[in-house]
Structure formats: C-alpha cells, structure tokens
Amino acid sequence: MTHPVGRERVALVLLCAAVFLDSMDLSLMGVALPAIGADLSLPESTLQWLMSGYAVAYGGFLLLGGRMADLVGRRRMFLLSLAVFAAASLAGGLLSSGWPLVATRVIKGVAAALTAPAALSLITTTFAEGPRRNRALGVYALAGATGYSAGLIASGLLTEISWRLVFFLPIPISLLVLVTAPLVLPRGDRPTAPAGGFDAAGAAAVTGGVLLLVYALTETSWQAGVVAAGLLGAFIFIERRQRTPLVPLGVFRSRRLTAANLAALAWACATIGWQFVAVLYLQQVLGYTALTTGLGIVPMGLAIVVTANLAGRLISRWGLGRVAAAGLLLQAAGILLFLRAGTSGDYVTVLLPALLIHGAGNGLSFPSLNIAAVGGLPNDQQGLASGLVTSAVQIGAGIGVAVLAAVMALGDSTLAGYRLAFLTAGSFSLLGALVAHLGLRAPAAGPTRVTTRA
C-alpha cells in the first residue's frame, strides 16, 4: 500500500497538473491565431473569441464552481470537469469551422472554472494548515503561475508544425490525470445539500454579471457594462435575502480575505495584462518570431520556479503581508524596466533583467496571496474560498488585458502606446503591493466559520 506521505505527493502532482492545464490554455491560442485564421479563413472578430471566449467563461463560472465543489463533492467535480475539458480539446482539434471552434473554447472555459476550485480545495483539505499546506500551495501556485508562460512557449513550438496540435496538447495530460487520480485522491466527506436548496438565482446573476462585465471590457460596450452592473447589483440583493447564498457576503468582513482577493485582482491585471502586451511588443516592435518570443520568456518561467519554491520558507519567516508586498514590488520593477527597451532593446542587457525580476516577484506574490485567501475559512468552505481568489485572478486577467489594450491606443505612436501600457501595468502591481501591505500585515487568527446568511 502506498505510504500516506507518498500518496499525498502524487495527489498534489495530479491536482497541480490540471491547474497547469487550465492556466496554459489561457495563452495557448495567442501565437496560433494567425495560422488558424489563414487556414480556416476566419475574420478577426471570430479569432478574438477563441481567446476571450475561454477567459470569459472561466472567469464567469468560477464562483459557481467553488460552491459546486463544496455541494457536489470536490473529488467528483474535479474528475467530471477534467473529462469535459479533455473532450472539448479533442473536438476543437478536429473542427474546421469558426463558431463551433469558439464553442469548444467556451466549454473548456466552463470546465476549467469547475476544475480549479475543486483542485485547490482538495489541496487545502488534504494538507494540514501550517508549513505542509504552505509548501503544497506554493507548488500549486507555481503550476498556475507558470502555466500561462508555458502556453506561450508551447504555442510557438507547436504552431510551427500545425495549429491543431495546440488543441490536442492538453489531451494526453488530462487522460493521465483521469486514470491516476481516482487511485490517490481522498474521497472526503459525503456532501450534503443545504436545507434551503441551491442558490440558482444567485448563481445566474453573478455568472451573467461577470460574463457581461468581461465582455464589456473586451468589446468596449457600455450597454453590456450597464446590464452587467445591474446583474451584479441583483446578485448582492439576492445574497442578502437568500437562506443558503452562493457567496455569504459575511466573508468580506474578513480583512485578510478581502485584501488577499483585491491584491490578487491587481496582481492579475498587472502580470497577465503585461504578458499580453509584452508578447505583441516583442513581435511587432522588436521583430521577434513566434518561436523566439516563446523561447525568450523561458528565463522568466525559471525565475518563477525558483522563487515559488522559496516562498513557503520566506512566508514562515517574514509573514504573508511582507512577502506578498515585496513580490508585487519586484513584479512592478520588472514591468517598468521594459520602458528601457525602446525600438531596439538588447535582450541580454535590457530585456533579460526585466524578465528575471518580474518572474521573481511573480513567484513570491502569487503563492502568498493564495495562502492568505484560503486560510481564513474552515475545510468545508474551502471551495468557496478558492473560488473567490481564482475568480479574482481571472477577472483581473480580463480587466488587465482590456485596459492595457485600450491604453495602447492612446499613444501618439506605436512605441508610445506600448510605454503607456507598461506604465499602467506597473501601476496595477504597485496598487496590489499597497493593498497587501495594509491588509495582510496582521497574522491570521485561524479559520472563521461564516454562516450561510449574509
């Protein structure tokens, strides 16, 4: 029989592999879009949704995914949603029509939104609070933080052969996890439905509101923004009156949880938005190919690996607030160093230091924010806690990309537009550092149960 410690390690690897896939799929389409458009004769409006369809569905369904993990069962939800993710990947690689292809991306986004909270809550309920959980969450954060960069690298390599390989890539990894996970993942307690039933109205309001909010930002549609605001307002009203709310609003009385989620939102606005702009900058201004762009990002991924592995020990010594704030400050420094590049920035002396510093800050801040976000709620509400922080990251990604794309258009030249975008991304990171410093300074008093009434 497998030793309990060895079994826990295998379970952690499998859970992190799934979350790595979720993050990687955010960026896999980026480099492949021109090849897909040329091969299938798709207009730019359709190509855009191959990326935004996944992100919108991912961000919009995360809160629902976190609650369903608690109610349906974390293990069951993880396996079912990962199976849907693999099936949608296969369908996408076989299709040759625009909108059916987009539909597979939307389905994958929904599946990822159900997988990620279940995986994170399985980790937090498997590993006891303290150094062991911190180390496990550090590995989890590493998987999520490097997934986006790995997607850029893999996309560049695979597109050189065939863009369909970008769709097929997640399938073998998903199948390996699906075959192995039932043998090592804990079954846990049998979920019990709340007496008041499932909060379907709240789920519909928040999911629709977030979907329309991200749509409004990506499409610059004020009409969609107004409807999104109305739906989110309706969600708050529903949650205040619901006996068993999807999100008990009382969780936001926790200064630590609120600060962690706000800082995670700013973190994603900065780093995901910056990576989106940086890839365009390397190709459009500096003339990098898709392959050299992906390879050029490798050192940043290595820096993330090193610092994420150190994060747990630094948190134990310095505390969550200091490590998170320091990481966000380093991240901002790396972003702002891109201002030195101009139209002919040397890679070794200009770009490489910026990438390494950004990666180091990324690897320190992301684990810290995840630990802070999930540490304040008990085990049976870990799906809610992880759903909130993952949703904050995905919504932040959508906001960051949309805002930076709009800011780029304000420059009186191409280079000026990129510089404005880098300044904006750096400002997001500095804002996150301030929130982390002010909101995560005090040590947590331990998990606090939040009642179902808001």
Protein backbone atom coordinates (compact mmCIF):
# COMPACT_ATOMS: atom_id res chain seq x y z
CA MET A 1 0.00 0.00 0.00
CA THR A 2 1.26 3.46 -0.81
CA HIS A 3 2.69 5.39 2.15
CA PRO A 4 0.34 8.27 3.13
CA VAL A 5 3.04 10.89 2.51
CA GLY A 6 3.87 9.43 -0.90
CA ARG A 7 0.18 9.27 -1.76
CA GLU A 8 -0.24 12.93 -0.82
CA ARG A 9 2.66 13.89 -3.07
CA VAL A 10 1.23 12.04 -6.04
CA ALA A 11 -2.17 13.64 -5.43
CA LEU A 12 -0.53 17.08 -5.31
CA VAL A 13 1.24 16.47 -8.63
CA LEU A 14 -2.02 15.41 -10.30
CA LEU A 15 -4.01 18.35 -8.94
CA CYS A 16 -1.31 20.80 -10.00
CA ALA A 17 -1.13 19.22 -13.46
CA ALA A 18 -4.80 20.00 -14.01
CA VAL A 19 -4.45 23.59 -12.81
CA PHE A 20 -1.37 23.99 -15.00
CA LEU A 21 -3.52 22.97 -17.99
CA ASP A 22 -6.21 25.49 -17.05
CA SER A 23 -3.68 28.33 -16.89
CA MET A 24 -1.81 27.23 -20.00
CA ASP A 25 -4.99 27.24 -22.08
CA LEU A 26 -5.30 30.99 -21.48
CA SER A 27 -2.21 31.62 -23.60
CA LEU A 28 -2.06 28.66 -26.00
CA MET A 29 -4.20 30.47 -28.58
CA GLY A 30 -2.12 33.67 -28.66
CA VAL A 31 0.64 32.67 -31.06
CA ALA A 32 -1.55 30.27 -33.06
CA LEU A 33 -4.31 32.74 -34.01
CA PRO A 34 -2.78 33.98 -37.30
CA ALA A 35 -2.24 30.41 -38.51
CA ILE A 36 -5.80 29.42 -37.55
CA GLY A 37 -7.24 32.46 -39.31
CA ALA A 38 -5.27 31.83 -42.50
CA ASP A 39 -6.09 28.12 -42.63
CA LEU A 40 -9.83 28.46 -41.91
CA SER A 41 -10.39 31.93 -43.47
CA LEU A 42 -11.77 33.32 -40.22
CA PRO A 43 -12.30 37.06 -39.62
CA GLU A 44 -10.55 38.79 -36.71
CA SER A 45 -13.82 39.07 -34.79
CA THR A 46 -14.11 35.28 -34.67
CA LEU A 47 -10.43 34.78 -33.87
CA GLN A 48 -10.70 37.12 -30.90
CA TRP A 49 -13.32 34.89 -29.29
CA LEU A 50 -11.01 31.89 -29.43
CA MET A 51 -9.17 33.66 -26.61
CA SER A 52 -11.84 35.77 -24.93
CA GLY A 53 -14.48 33.00 -25.04
CA TYR A 54 -12.30 30.81 -22.84
CA ALA A 55 -11.37 33.65 -20.47
CA VAL A 56 -14.93 34.97 -20.15
CA ALA A 57 -16.38 31.54 -19.38
CA TYR A 58 -13.53 30.74 -16.97
CA GLY A 59 -13.94 33.97 -15.01
CA GLY A 60 -17.72 33.95 -15.11
CA PHE A 61 -18.27 30.44 -13.77
CA LEU A 62 -15.57 30.33 -11.09
CA LEU A 63 -17.77 31.34 -8.18
CA LEU A 64 -20.32 28.76 -9.21
CA GLY A 65 -17.51 26.21 -9.49
CA GLY A 66 -16.28 26.89 -5.98
CA ARG A 67 -19.74 26.44 -4.47
CA MET A 68 -20.44 23.30 -6.52
CA ALA A 69 -17.17 21.78 -5.28
CA ASP A 70 -18.50 22.10 -1.72
CA LEU A 71 -22.00 20.84 -2.52
CA VAL A 72 -21.40 18.13 -5.14
CA GLY A 73 -18.09 16.83 -3.83
CA ARG A 74 -14.58 18.06 -4.61
CA ARG A 75 -13.24 14.76 -5.97
CA ARG A 76 -16.28 14.10 -8.17
CA MET A 77 -16.34 17.67 -9.51
CA PHE A 78 -12.61 17.57 -10.28
CA LEU A 79 -12.82 14.35 -12.30
CA LEU A 80 -16.01 15.21 -14.22
CA SER A 81 -14.89 18.70 -15.21
CA LEU A 82 -11.44 17.49 -16.30
CA ALA A 83 -13.08 14.85 -18.52
CA VAL A 84 -15.19 17.58 -20.19
CA PHE A 85 -12.03 19.68 -20.63
CA ALA A 86 -10.29 16.81 -22.45
CA ALA A 87 -13.31 16.08 -24.67
CA ALA A 88 -13.63 19.74 -25.69
CA SER A 89 -9.90 19.82 -26.50
CA LEU A 90 -10.31 16.85 -28.82
CA ALA A 91 -13.33 18.39 -30.55
CA GLY A 92 -11.50 21.68 -31.05
CA GLY A 93 -8.57 19.99 -32.75
CA LEU A 94 -10.87 18.19 -35.20
CA LEU A 95 -13.20 21.05 -36.17
CA SER A 96 -12.67 23.38 -39.13
CA SER A 97 -15.48 25.93 -38.69
CA GLY A 98 -15.22 29.19 -36.79
CA TRP A 99 -18.09 29.35 -34.32
CA PRO A 100 -18.14 25.63 -33.46
CA LEU A 101 -14.45 26.07 -32.68
CA VAL A 102 -15.30 29.02 -30.43
CA ALA A 103 -17.95 26.88 -28.71
CA THR A 104 -15.32 24.31 -27.74
CA ARG A 105 -13.24 27.09 -26.18
CA VAL A 106 -16.23 28.32 -24.16
CA ILE A 107 -16.93 24.78 -22.94
CA LYS A 108 -13.28 24.41 -21.94
CA GLY A 109 -13.52 27.69 -20.01
CA VAL A 110 -16.54 26.42 -18.06
CA ALA A 111 -14.76 23.11 -17.37
CA ALA A 112 -11.66 24.94 -16.15
CA ALA A 113 -13.83 27.08 -13.88
CA LEU A 114 -15.16 23.91 -12.26
CA THR A 115 -11.77 22.17 -12.09
CA ALA A 116 -9.62 24.88 -10.49
CA PRO A 117 -11.62 25.50 -7.27
CA ALA A 118 -12.09 21.77 -6.74
CA ALA A 119 -8.34 21.18 -7.13
CA LEU A 120 -7.35 23.97 -4.75
CA SER A 121 -9.87 22.93 -2.11
CA LEU A 122 -8.67 19.29 -2.39
CA ILE A 123 -5.17 20.54 -1.60
CA THR A 124 -6.23 22.63 1.39
CA THR A 125 -8.30 19.79 2.87
CA THR A 126 -5.58 17.18 2.26
CA PHE A 127 -2.70 19.11 3.83
CA ALA A 128 -2.95 20.37 7.42
CA GLU A 129 -2.68 24.13 7.94
CA GLY A 130 0.89 25.27 8.56
CA PRO A 131 4.21 24.61 6.76
CA ARG A 132 2.96 21.49 4.91
CA ARG A 133 -0.05 23.28 3.47
CA ASN A 134 2.07 26.34 2.66
CA ARG A 135 4.53 24.20 0.72
CA ALA A 136 1.70 22.44 -1.12
CA LEU A 137 0.05 25.73 -2.02
CA GLY A 138 3.42 27.01 -3.17
CA VAL A 139 3.66 24.11 -5.63
CA TYR A 140 0.07 24.74 -6.72
CA ALA A 141 0.78 28.43 -7.23
CA LEU A 142 3.89 27.54 -9.21
CA ALA A 143 1.80 25.37 -11.54
CA GLY A 144 -0.73 28.12 -12.09
CA ALA A 145 1.78 30.94 -12.42
CA THR A 146 3.97 29.13 -14.96
CA GLY A 147 1.08 27.73 -16.99
CA TYR A 148 0.48 30.97 -18.87
CA SER A 149 4.15 31.35 -19.84
CA ALA A 150 4.39 27.66 -20.76
CA GLY A 151 1.40 28.13 -23.06
CA LEU A 152 3.21 30.89 -24.94
CA ILE A 153 6.29 28.71 -25.36
CA ALA A 154 4.35 25.59 -26.39
CA SER A 155 2.16 27.59 -28.76
CA GLY A 156 5.20 28.93 -30.60
CA LEU A 157 6.75 25.48 -30.93
CA LEU A 158 3.59 23.62 -31.94
CA THR A 159 2.27 26.22 -34.37
CA GLU A 160 5.46 25.75 -36.41
CA ILE A 161 4.16 22.21 -37.12
CA SER A 162 0.34 22.60 -37.04
CA TRP A 163 -2.03 24.83 -35.09
CA ARG A 164 -4.22 21.76 -34.37
CA LEU A 165 -1.53 20.47 -32.02
CA VAL A 166 -2.30 23.44 -29.77
CA PHE A 167 -5.77 21.99 -29.22
CA PHE A 168 -4.52 18.41 -28.85
CA LEU A 169 -1.76 19.19 -26.33
CA PRO A 170 -3.93 19.03 -23.15
CA ILE A 171 -5.49 15.64 -24.05
CA PRO A 172 -2.72 13.19 -23.03
CA ILE A 173 -2.03 15.09 -19.80
CA SER A 174 -5.74 15.14 -18.93
CA LEU A 175 -6.10 11.42 -19.61
CA LEU A 176 -3.09 10.59 -17.43
CA VAL A 177 -4.60 12.56 -14.54
CA LEU A 178 -8.04 10.98 -15.05
CA VAL A 179 -6.62 7.45 -14.95
CA THR A 180 -4.40 8.03 -11.90
CA ALA A 181 -6.39 10.48 -9.77
CA PRO A 182 -9.14 8.06 -8.58
CA LEU A 183 -6.42 5.90 -7.01
CA VAL A 184 -4.88 8.63 -4.84
CA LEU A 185 -7.35 11.47 -4.32
CA PRO A 186 -9.17 11.35 -0.97
CA ARG A 187 -12.89 10.73 -1.14
CA GLY A 188 -13.61 13.05 1.78
CA ASP A 189 -16.93 13.50 3.49
CA ARG A 190 -20.14 12.89 1.58
CA PRO A 191 -21.52 16.29 0.53
CA THR A 192 -24.91 17.22 1.91
CA ALA A 193 -27.26 19.63 0.20
CA PRO A 194 -28.21 22.67 2.28
CA ALA A 195 -31.71 22.77 3.70
CA GLY A 196 -32.64 25.83 1.67
CA GLY A 197 -31.61 24.30 -1.65
CA PHE A 198 -29.13 25.52 -4.24
CA ASP A 199 -28.91 29.26 -4.85
CA ALA A 200 -29.76 29.10 -8.56
CA ALA A 201 -30.84 32.76 -8.77
CA GLY A 202 -27.62 33.96 -7.20
CA ALA A 203 -25.55 31.70 -9.45
CA ALA A 204 -27.31 33.01 -12.57
CA ALA A 205 -26.96 36.65 -11.52
CA VAL A 206 -23.26 36.56 -10.62
CA THR A 207 -22.28 34.38 -13.58
CA GLY A 208 -24.19 36.52 -16.06
CA GLY A 209 -22.87 39.70 -14.47
CA VAL A 210 -19.24 38.64 -14.63
CA LEU A 211 -19.60 37.31 -18.18
CA LEU A 212 -21.09 40.60 -19.35
CA LEU A 213 -18.53 42.64 -17.40
CA VAL A 214 -15.63 40.93 -19.14
CA TYR A 215 -17.48 41.18 -22.48
CA ALA A 216 -18.00 44.90 -21.92
CA LEU A 217 -14.29 45.39 -21.26
CA THR A 218 -13.09 43.33 -24.21
CA GLU A 219 -15.66 44.75 -26.66
CA THR A 220 -15.83 48.28 -25.14
CA SER A 221 -19.62 48.01 -24.96
CA TRP A 222 -21.16 50.40 -22.43
CA GLN A 223 -24.57 48.77 -22.90
CA ALA A 224 -23.16 45.43 -21.76
CA GLY A 225 -21.48 47.23 -18.85
CA VAL A 226 -24.80 48.70 -17.69
CA VAL A 227 -26.50 45.30 -17.81
CA ALA A 228 -23.54 43.73 -16.00
CA ALA A 229 -23.78 46.32 -13.22
CA GLY A 230 -27.49 45.61 -12.90
CA LEU A 231 -26.94 41.86 -12.64
CA LEU A 232 -24.18 42.23 -10.05
CA GLY A 233 -26.40 44.56 -8.05
CA ALA A 234 -29.17 41.98 -8.25
CA PHE A 235 -26.70 39.33 -7.05
CA ILE A 236 -25.97 41.34 -3.89
CA PHE A 237 -29.69 41.80 -3.27
CA ILE A 238 -30.34 38.06 -3.76
CA GLU A 239 -27.48 37.03 -1.48
CA ARG A 240 -28.73 39.27 1.32
CA ARG A 241 -32.13 37.59 1.23
CA GLN A 242 -31.12 34.02 0.36
CA ARG A 243 -31.12 31.46 3.18
CA THR A 244 -28.25 29.50 1.62
CA PRO A 245 -26.42 32.04 -0.56
CA LEU A 246 -23.89 31.15 -3.20
CA VAL A 247 -21.45 33.61 -1.60
CA PRO A 248 -22.17 34.54 2.02
CA LEU A 249 -21.38 38.25 1.97
CA GLY A 250 -20.17 37.95 5.53
CA VAL A 251 -16.86 36.53 4.23
CA PHE A 252 -15.89 40.03 3.18
CA ARG A 253 -15.92 41.16 6.80
CA SER A 254 -12.59 39.35 6.99
CA ARG A 255 -9.93 41.98 6.33
CA ARG A 256 -7.44 39.30 5.38
CA LEU A 257 -9.67 37.55 2.85
CA THR A 258 -10.83 40.82 1.28
CA ALA A 259 -7.31 42.20 0.99
CA ALA A 260 -5.99 38.95 -0.50
CA ASN A 261 -8.69 38.94 -3.18
CA LEU A 262 -8.22 42.62 -4.06
CA ALA A 263 -4.46 42.16 -4.26
CA ALA A 264 -4.93 39.06 -6.44
CA LEU A 265 -7.17 41.11 -8.75
CA ALA A 266 -4.44 43.76 -9.08
CA TRP A 267 -1.77 41.06 -9.48
CA ALA A 268 -3.59 39.56 -12.47
CA CYS A 269 -4.33 42.97 -14.04
CA ALA A 270 -0.60 43.65 -13.92
CA THR A 271 1.04 40.36 -14.87
CA ILE A 272 -1.47 38.85 -17.33
CA GLY A 273 -2.13 42.24 -18.95
CA TRP A 274 1.61 42.89 -19.18
CA GLN A 275 2.35 39.48 -20.72
CA PHE A 276 -0.33 40.10 -23.35
CA VAL A 277 1.24 43.47 -24.26
CA ALA A 278 4.84 42.23 -23.97
CA VAL A 279 4.27 39.44 -26.49
CA LEU A 280 2.86 41.92 -29.00
CA TYR A 281 5.73 44.31 -28.29
CA LEU A 282 8.38 41.66 -28.90
CA GLN A 283 6.81 40.67 -32.22
CA GLN A 284 5.54 43.98 -33.58
CA VAL A 285 8.26 46.37 -32.39
CA LEU A 286 11.38 44.25 -31.94
CA GLY A 287 10.58 41.84 -34.78
CA TYR A 288 10.71 38.58 -32.83
CA THR A 289 9.16 35.50 -34.39
CA ALA A 290 6.58 33.43 -32.52
CA LEU A 291 9.23 30.84 -31.68
CA THR A 292 11.85 33.32 -30.44
CA THR A 293 9.17 35.08 -28.39
CA GLY A 294 8.31 31.85 -26.60
CA LEU A 295 11.94 30.95 -26.01
CA GLY A 296 12.72 34.45 -24.79
CA ILE A 297 10.18 34.07 -21.99
CA VAL A 298 11.78 30.86 -20.66
CA PRO A 299 14.07 32.66 -18.14
CA MET A 300 11.05 34.35 -16.57
CA GLY A 301 9.46 30.93 -16.06
CA LEU A 302 12.64 29.64 -14.43
CA ALA A 303 12.70 32.63 -12.08
CA ILE A 304 9.10 31.85 -11.10
CA VAL A 305 10.05 28.23 -10.38
CA VAL A 306 12.95 29.20 -8.10
CA THR A 307 11.15 31.89 -6.10
CA ALA A 308 7.88 29.95 -5.78
CA ASN A 309 9.86 27.11 -4.20
CA LEU A 310 11.34 29.61 -1.72
CA ALA A 311 8.06 31.34 -0.98
CA GLY A 312 6.88 28.94 1.74
CA ARG A 313 10.05 29.38 3.81
CA LEU A 314 10.04 33.15 3.35
CA ILE A 315 6.40 33.34 4.42
CA SER A 316 7.17 31.36 7.58
CA ARG A 317 9.96 33.82 8.41
CA TRP A 318 8.59 37.17 7.26
CA GLY A 319 4.82 36.70 7.10
CA LEU A 320 2.30 36.76 4.26
CA GLY A 321 1.96 40.54 4.05
CA ARG A 322 5.67 41.28 3.66
CA VAL A 323 6.32 38.52 1.13
CA ALA A 324 3.26 39.39 -0.97
CA ALA A 325 4.05 43.11 -0.97
CA ALA A 326 7.72 42.52 -1.77
CA GLY A 327 6.78 40.19 -4.61
CA LEU A 328 4.37 42.71 -6.11
CA LEU A 329 7.01 45.46 -5.87
CA LEU A 330 9.53 43.26 -7.69
CA GLN A 331 6.89 42.44 -10.28
CA ALA A 332 6.28 46.15 -10.84
CA ALA A 333 10.02 46.80 -11.19
CA GLY A 334 10.31 44.11 -13.87
CA ILE A 335 7.40 45.55 -15.81
CA LEU A 336 8.68 49.13 -15.63
CA LEU A 337 12.18 48.08 -16.74
CA PHE A 338 10.61 47.31 -20.14
CA LEU A 339 10.43 51.07 -20.62
CA ARG A 340 14.19 50.98 -21.30
CA ALA A 341 13.81 48.77 -24.36
CA GLY A 342 12.67 51.31 -26.97
CA THR A 343 12.62 50.17 -30.58
CA SER A 344 15.81 48.09 -30.44
CA GLY A 345 16.22 46.79 -26.90
CA ASP A 346 19.10 44.37 -26.41
CA TYR A 347 17.88 41.08 -24.96
CA VAL A 348 20.79 40.29 -22.62
CA THR A 349 21.30 43.75 -21.10
CA VAL A 350 17.73 45.14 -21.21
CA LEU A 351 15.00 42.53 -21.60
CA LEU A 352 16.52 39.61 -19.68
CA PRO A 353 16.95 41.51 -16.37
CA ALA A 354 13.36 42.76 -16.63
CA LEU A 355 12.04 39.25 -17.24
CA LEU A 356 14.03 37.76 -14.36
CA ILE A 357 12.93 40.43 -11.88
CA HIS A 358 9.30 40.15 -12.97
CA GLY A 359 9.44 36.36 -12.64
CA ALA A 360 10.96 36.56 -9.15
CA GLY A 361 8.23 38.91 -7.98
CA ASN A 362 5.56 36.78 -9.60
CA GLY A 363 6.78 33.63 -7.87
CA LEU A 364 6.77 35.30 -4.45
CA SER A 365 3.46 37.14 -4.62
CA PHE A 366 1.13 34.55 -6.15
CA PRO A 367 1.65 31.80 -3.50
CA SER A 368 1.36 34.37 -0.71
CA LEU A 369 -1.95 35.70 -1.96
CA ASN A 370 -3.41 32.20 -2.42
CA ILE A 371 -2.40 31.15 1.10
CA ALA A 372 -3.89 34.32 2.58
CA ALA A 373 -7.14 33.92 0.64
CA VAL A 374 -7.88 30.33 1.68
CA GLY A 375 -6.51 30.44 5.23
CA GLY A 376 -9.43 32.22 6.86
CA LEU A 377 -12.23 29.71 6.20
CA PRO A 378 -12.77 26.14 7.51
CA ASN A 379 -12.39 22.99 5.44
CA ASP A 380 -15.99 22.68 4.30
CA GLN A 381 -15.87 26.22 2.85
CA GLN A 382 -12.57 25.85 1.02
CA GLY A 383 -14.37 25.56 -2.32
CA LEU A 384 -15.87 29.00 -1.69
CA ALA A 385 -12.52 30.49 -0.61
CA SER A 386 -10.60 29.06 -3.57
CA GLY A 387 -13.37 30.00 -5.99
CA LEU A 388 -13.21 33.61 -4.82
CA VAL A 389 -9.46 34.02 -5.21
CA THR A 390 -9.32 32.17 -8.55
CA SER A 391 -12.23 34.27 -9.79
CA ALA A 392 -10.38 37.43 -8.71
CA VAL A 393 -7.36 36.34 -10.76
CA GLN A 394 -9.40 35.51 -13.88
CA ILE A 395 -11.48 38.68 -13.69
CA GLY A 396 -8.27 40.62 -13.17
CA ALA A 397 -6.80 38.98 -16.27
CA GLY A 398 -9.79 40.12 -18.34
CA ILE A 399 -9.68 43.64 -16.90
CA GLY A 400 -5.91 43.92 -17.34
CA VAL A 401 -5.91 42.83 -20.98
CA ALA A 402 -8.86 45.08 -21.84
CA VAL A 403 -7.48 48.14 -20.05
CA LEU A 404 -3.96 47.80 -21.45
CA ALA A 405 -5.28 47.25 -24.97
CA ALA A 406 -7.31 50.47 -24.63
CA VAL A 407 -4.35 52.38 -23.19
CA MET A 408 -2.12 51.29 -26.08
CA ALA A 409 -4.47 53.07 -28.48
CA LEU A 410 -3.95 56.38 -26.65
CA GLY A 411 -0.31 56.76 -27.66
CA ASP A 412 0.60 59.13 -30.49
CA SER A 413 2.92 56.43 -31.85
CA THR A 414 3.18 52.66 -31.60
CA LEU A 415 6.08 52.85 -29.14
CA ALA A 416 4.34 55.50 -27.03
CA GLY A 417 1.27 53.27 -26.80
CA TYR A 418 3.33 50.36 -25.52
CA ARG A 419 5.06 52.57 -22.96
CA LEU A 420 1.72 53.80 -21.64
CA ALA A 421 0.60 50.18 -21.33
CA PHE A 422 3.76 49.22 -19.39
CA LEU A 423 3.26 52.18 -17.03
CA THR A 424 -0.35 51.16 -16.43
CA ALA A 425 0.58 47.53 -15.75
CA GLY A 426 3.28 48.66 -13.31
CA SER A 427 0.74 50.86 -11.54
CA PHE A 428 -1.61 47.89 -11.08
CA SER A 429 1.22 45.95 -9.45
CA LEU A 430 2.11 48.86 -7.13
CA LEU A 431 -1.53 49.16 -6.11
CA GLY A 432 -1.59 45.45 -5.28
CA ALA A 433 1.55 45.84 -3.16
CA LEU A 434 -0.11 48.61 -1.16
CA VAL A 435 -3.25 46.54 -0.58
CA ALA A 436 -1.18 43.52 0.52
CA HIS A 437 0.96 45.62 2.86
CA LEU A 438 -2.03 47.24 4.56
CA GLY A 439 -4.42 44.27 4.57
CA LEU A 440 -2.17 41.28 5.27
CA ARG A 441 0.09 42.67 7.98
CA ALA A 442 -1.64 41.13 10.99
CA PRO A 443 -1.32 37.35 11.49
CA ALA A 444 -4.50 35.36 10.90
CA ALA A 445 -6.46 34.35 13.99
CA GLY A 446 -7.36 30.99 12.42
CA PRO A 447 -10.23 29.84 10.23
CA THR A 448 -13.53 31.58 10.94
CA ARG A 449 -16.82 29.96 10.03
CA VAL A 450 -19.14 32.14 8.01
CA THR A 451 -22.84 31.41 8.34
CA THR A 452 -24.95 30.92 5.25
CA ARG A 453 -26.82 34.13 5.91
CA ALA A 454 -25.01 37.19 4.52
